[in-house]
Amino acid sequence: MSDSIMGLTPSQALQMFNYALVLIYGLLLTVGVAGGCATSREKRMVGLMCPVFLVLQSAAGLMLGVSAAEKLYPLLVHLPLVLGLMLGRMAESQLRISITLGHGTPAAFLDSPIAMFFIAISILSVAYSLYNMRKKAAK
């Protein structure tokens, strides 16, 4: 009988479980720092984001290793949550306006060369970061 859980040793599995608990605590702490959940909509968003972040963190841990998931933790969890809580309403209304101006399709975001530039820079930045982390993990 193998002593591994989804390719992880029991020690690594417990470490991932620990990070899941830290994730939940971090989410609650981040919500508190960001001003809490004033409306039921914000409460639902935080409740729905917790499983999303758990899956994202687990996937990062399995693909990149536990040490890389530790390093990416603030980027994977706190940044999107704080941005969502702080800018959520404003971003949603502006997205609605943009899609309305684009006649119901998100293609309006791809028409502008500036938008394409920022999308390309974002994709390249994430790809380069992942490449460097894999390269360091291989050493």
C-alpha atoms as a PDB file:
ATOM      1  CA  MET A   1       0.000   0.000   0.000  1.00  0.00           C
ATOM      2  CA  SER A   2       1.355   3.412  -0.982  1.00  0.00           C
ATOM      3  CA  ASP A   3       1.895   6.147   1.578  1.00  0.00           C
ATOM      4  CA  SER A   4       0.890   8.967  -0.753  1.00  0.00           C
ATOM      5  CA  ILE A   5      -2.236  11.020  -1.209  1.00  0.00           C
ATOM      6  CA  MET A   6      -2.640  12.320  -4.776  1.00  0.00           C
ATOM      7  CA  GLY A   7       1.123  12.064  -5.239  1.00  0.00           C
ATOM      8  CA  LEU A   8       1.883  13.838  -1.951  1.00  0.00           C
ATOM      9  CA  THR A   9       3.497  12.313   1.099  1.00  0.00           C
ATOM     10  CA  PRO A  10       1.404  12.460   4.292  1.00  0.00           C
ATOM     11  CA  SER A  11       3.621  15.296   5.525  1.00  0.00           C
ATOM     12  CA  GLN A  12       3.025  17.301   2.335  1.00  0.00           C
ATOM     13  CA  ALA A  13      -0.720  16.570   2.480  1.00  0.00           C
ATOM     14  CA  LEU A  14      -0.870  17.860   6.067  1.00  0.00           C
ATOM     15  CA  GLN A  15       1.097  20.923   5.011  1.00  0.00           C
ATOM     16  CA  MET A  16      -1.396  21.607   2.198  1.00  0.00           C
ATOM     17  CA  PHE A  17      -4.278  21.158   4.677  1.00  0.00           C
ATOM     18  CA  ASN A  18      -2.531  23.621   6.989  1.00  0.00           C
ATOM     19  CA  TYR A  19      -2.339  26.132   4.148  1.00  0.00           C
ATOM     20  CA  ALA A  20      -6.044  25.619   3.464  1.00  0.00           C
ATOM     21  CA  LEU A  21      -6.791  26.550   7.074  1.00  0.00           C
ATOM     22  CA  VAL A  22      -4.421  29.507   6.846  1.00  0.00           C
ATOM     23  CA  LEU A  23      -6.239  30.497   3.643  1.00  0.00           C
ATOM     24  CA  ILE A  24      -9.604  30.579   5.402  1.00  0.00           C
ATOM     25  CA  TYR A  25      -8.132  32.574   8.295  1.00  0.00           C
ATOM     26  CA  GLY A  26      -6.414  34.912   5.830  1.00  0.00           C
ATOM     27  CA  LEU A  27      -9.660  35.474   3.949  1.00  0.00           C
ATOM     28  CA  LEU A  28     -11.470  36.387   7.133  1.00  0.00           C
ATOM     29  CA  LEU A  29      -8.631  38.661   8.205  1.00  0.00           C
ATOM     30  CA  THR A  30      -8.481  40.334   4.786  1.00  0.00           C
ATOM     31  CA  VAL A  31     -12.220  40.932   4.831  1.00  0.00           C
ATOM     32  CA  GLY A  32     -11.861  42.511   8.263  1.00  0.00           C
ATOM     33  CA  VAL A  33      -9.018  44.785   7.112  1.00  0.00           C
ATOM     34  CA  ALA A  34     -10.910  45.751   3.947  1.00  0.00           C
ATOM     35  CA  GLY A  35     -13.842  46.964   6.012  1.00  0.00           C
ATOM     36  CA  GLY A  36     -15.867  43.804   6.427  1.00  0.00           C
ATOM     37  CA  CYS A  37     -18.856  42.636   4.489  1.00  0.00           C
ATOM     38  CA  ALA A  38     -21.450  45.372   4.592  1.00  0.00           C
ATOM     39  CA  THR A  39     -24.002  43.750   2.303  1.00  0.00           C
ATOM     40  CA  SER A  40     -25.269  40.235   1.806  1.00  0.00           C
ATOM     41  CA  ARG A  41     -23.839  40.366  -1.717  1.00  0.00           C
ATOM     42  CA  GLU A  42     -20.321  40.892  -0.342  1.00  0.00           C
ATOM     43  CA  LYS A  43     -20.859  38.044   2.128  1.00  0.00           C
ATOM     44  CA  ARG A  44     -21.879  35.742  -0.724  1.00  0.00           C
ATOM     45  CA  MET A  45     -18.849  36.829  -2.733  1.00  0.00           C
ATOM     46  CA  VAL A  46     -16.476  35.982   0.117  1.00  0.00           C
ATOM     47  CA  GLY A  47     -18.295  32.690   0.695  1.00  0.00           C
ATOM     48  CA  LEU A  48     -17.995  31.757  -2.973  1.00  0.00           C
ATOM     49  CA  MET A  49     -14.412  32.924  -3.283  1.00  0.00           C
ATOM     50  CA  CYS A  50     -13.184  30.706  -0.444  1.00  0.00           C
ATOM     51  CA  PRO A  51     -13.624  27.443  -2.415  1.00  0.00           C
ATOM     52  CA  VAL A  52     -12.255  29.123  -5.549  1.00  0.00           C
ATOM     53  CA  PHE A  53      -9.117  30.194  -3.699  1.00  0.00           C
ATOM     54  CA  LEU A  54      -8.809  26.738  -2.102  1.00  0.00           C
ATOM     55  CA  VAL A  55      -8.868  25.109  -5.539  1.00  0.00           C
ATOM     56  CA  LEU A  56      -6.459  27.699  -6.929  1.00  0.00           C
ATOM     57  CA  GLN A  57      -4.047  27.249  -4.035  1.00  0.00           C
ATOM     58  CA  SER A  58      -4.276  23.454  -4.245  1.00  0.00           C
ATOM     59  CA  ALA A  59      -3.629  23.530  -7.981  1.00  0.00           C
ATOM     60  CA  ALA A  60      -0.628  25.812  -7.456  1.00  0.00           C
ATOM     61  CA  GLY A  61       0.661  23.482  -4.750  1.00  0.00           C
ATOM     62  CA  LEU A  62       0.295  20.400  -6.931  1.00  0.00           C
ATOM     63  CA  MET A  63       1.685  21.955 -10.112  1.00  0.00           C
ATOM     64  CA  LEU A  64       4.452  24.150  -8.715  1.00  0.00           C
ATOM     65  CA  GLY A  65       5.159  22.518  -5.373  1.00  0.00           C
ATOM     66  CA  VAL A  66       4.325  23.509  -1.830  1.00  0.00           C
ATOM     67  CA  SER A  67       7.221  25.977  -1.506  1.00  0.00           C
ATOM     68  CA  ALA A  68       6.061  27.883  -4.595  1.00  0.00           C
ATOM     69  CA  ALA A  69       2.485  27.935  -3.261  1.00  0.00           C
ATOM     70  CA  GLU A  70       3.833  29.466  -0.044  1.00  0.00           C
ATOM     71  CA  LYS A  71       5.551  32.214  -2.004  1.00  0.00           C
ATOM     72  CA  LEU A  72       2.506  32.880  -4.197  1.00  0.00           C
ATOM     73  CA  TYR A  73       0.025  32.847  -1.295  1.00  0.00           C
ATOM     74  CA  PRO A  74      -0.458  36.638  -1.015  1.00  0.00           C
ATOM     75  CA  LEU A  75      -0.793  36.978  -4.764  1.00  0.00           C
ATOM     76  CA  LEU A  76      -3.220  34.063  -5.056  1.00  0.00           C
ATOM     77  CA  VAL A  77      -5.484  35.048  -2.189  1.00  0.00           C
ATOM     78  CA  HIS A  78      -5.241  38.488  -0.669  1.00  0.00           C
ATOM     79  CA  LEU A  79      -4.760  40.658  -3.733  1.00  0.00           C
ATOM     80  CA  PRO A  80      -7.835  39.400  -5.662  1.00  0.00           C
ATOM     81  CA  LEU A  81     -10.006  39.484  -2.550  1.00  0.00           C
ATOM     82  CA  VAL A  82      -9.042  43.014  -1.532  1.00  0.00           C
ATOM     83  CA  LEU A  83      -9.433  44.249  -5.090  1.00  0.00           C
ATOM     84  CA  GLY A  84     -12.806  42.533  -5.321  1.00  0.00           C
ATOM     85  CA  LEU A  85     -14.061  44.032  -2.076  1.00  0.00           C
ATOM     86  CA  MET A  86     -12.687  47.513  -2.698  1.00  0.00           C
ATOM     87  CA  LEU A  87     -13.333  47.901  -6.420  1.00  0.00           C
ATOM     88  CA  GLY A  88     -16.121  45.374  -6.968  1.00  0.00           C
ATOM     89  CA  ARG A  89     -19.101  47.664  -7.405  1.00  0.00           C
ATOM     90  CA  MET A  90     -17.224  50.223  -9.466  1.00  0.00           C
ATOM     91  CA  ALA A  91     -15.590  47.589 -11.686  1.00  0.00           C
ATOM     92  CA  GLU A  92     -18.910  45.822 -12.219  1.00  0.00           C
ATOM     93  CA  SER A  93     -20.720  48.991 -13.279  1.00  0.00           C
ATOM     94  CA  GLN A  94     -17.880  50.000 -15.626  1.00  0.00           C
ATOM     95  CA  LEU A  95     -17.786  46.483 -17.117  1.00  0.00           C
ATOM     96  CA  ARG A  96     -21.523  46.698 -17.723  1.00  0.00           C
ATOM     97  CA  ILE A  97     -21.126  50.064 -19.450  1.00  0.00           C
ATOM     98  CA  SER A  98     -18.253  48.756 -21.597  1.00  0.00           C
ATOM     99  CA  ILE A  99     -20.169  45.673 -22.689  1.00  0.00           C
ATOM    100  CA  THR A 100     -23.239  47.802 -23.446  1.00  0.00           C
ATOM    101  CA  LEU A 101     -21.138  50.139 -25.587  1.00  0.00           C
ATOM    102  CA  GLY A 102     -19.684  47.081 -27.331  1.00  0.00           C
ATOM    103  CA  HIS A 103     -23.206  45.874 -28.232  1.00  0.00           C
ATOM    104  CA  GLY A 104     -23.225  43.013 -25.729  1.00  0.00           C
ATOM    105  CA  THR A 105     -19.902  41.378 -26.554  1.00  0.00           C
ATOM    106  CA  PRO A 106     -16.585  41.616 -24.731  1.00  0.00           C
ATOM    107  CA  ALA A 107     -14.858  42.092 -28.105  1.00  0.00           C
ATOM    108  CA  ALA A 108     -14.656  45.826 -27.364  1.00  0.00           C
ATOM    109  CA  PHE A 109     -11.793  45.015 -24.991  1.00  0.00           C
ATOM    110  CA  LEU A 110      -9.824  43.491 -27.850  1.00  0.00           C
ATOM    111  CA  ASP A 111     -10.316  46.329 -30.348  1.00  0.00           C
ATOM    112  CA  SER A 112      -7.979  48.778 -28.676  1.00  0.00           C
ATOM    113  CA  PRO A 113      -4.226  48.372 -29.202  1.00  0.00           C
ATOM    114  CA  ILE A 114      -3.626  49.659 -25.677  1.00  0.00           C
ATOM    115  CA  ALA A 115      -5.920  47.009 -24.214  1.00  0.00           C
ATOM    116  CA  MET A 116      -4.203  44.292 -26.256  1.00  0.00           C
ATOM    117  CA  PHE A 117      -0.815  45.571 -25.047  1.00  0.00           C
ATOM    118  CA  PHE A 118      -1.843  45.332 -21.388  1.00  0.00           C
ATOM    119  CA  ILE A 119      -3.394  41.895 -21.883  1.00  0.00           C
ATOM    120  CA  ALA A 120      -0.195  40.670 -23.553  1.00  0.00           C
ATOM    121  CA  ILE A 121       2.006  42.180 -20.826  1.00  0.00           C
ATOM    122  CA  SER A 122      -0.140  40.531 -18.145  1.00  0.00           C
ATOM    123  CA  ILE A 123       0.054  37.120 -19.793  1.00  0.00           C
ATOM    124  CA  LEU A 124       3.810  37.419 -20.364  1.00  0.00           C
ATOM    125  CA  SER A 125       4.381  38.549 -16.787  1.00  0.00           C
ATOM    126  CA  VAL A 126       2.524  35.576 -15.321  1.00  0.00           C
ATOM    127  CA  ALA A 127       4.224  33.153 -17.723  1.00  0.00           C
ATOM    128  CA  TYR A 128       7.670  34.544 -16.901  1.00  0.00           C
ATOM    129  CA  SER A 129       7.027  34.311 -13.158  1.00  0.00           C
ATOM    130  CA  LEU A 130       5.874  30.709 -13.460  1.00  0.00           C
ATOM    131  CA  TYR A 131       8.893  29.871 -15.636  1.00  0.00           C
ATOM    132  CA  ASN A 132      11.310  31.365 -13.085  1.00  0.00           C
ATOM    133  CA  MET A 133       9.667  29.523 -10.198  1.00  0.00           C
ATOM    134  CA  ARG A 134       9.838  26.210 -12.052  1.00  0.00           C
ATOM    135  CA  LYS A 135      13.451  26.884 -12.954  1.00  0.00           C
ATOM    136  CA  LYS A 136      14.340  27.626  -9.305  1.00  0.00           C
ATOM    137  CA  ALA A 137      12.395  24.582  -8.089  1.00  0.00           C
ATOM    138  CA  ALA A 138      14.302  22.346 -10.514  1.00  0.00           C
ATOM    139  CA  LYS A 139      17.663  23.439  -9.071  1.00  0.00           C
END
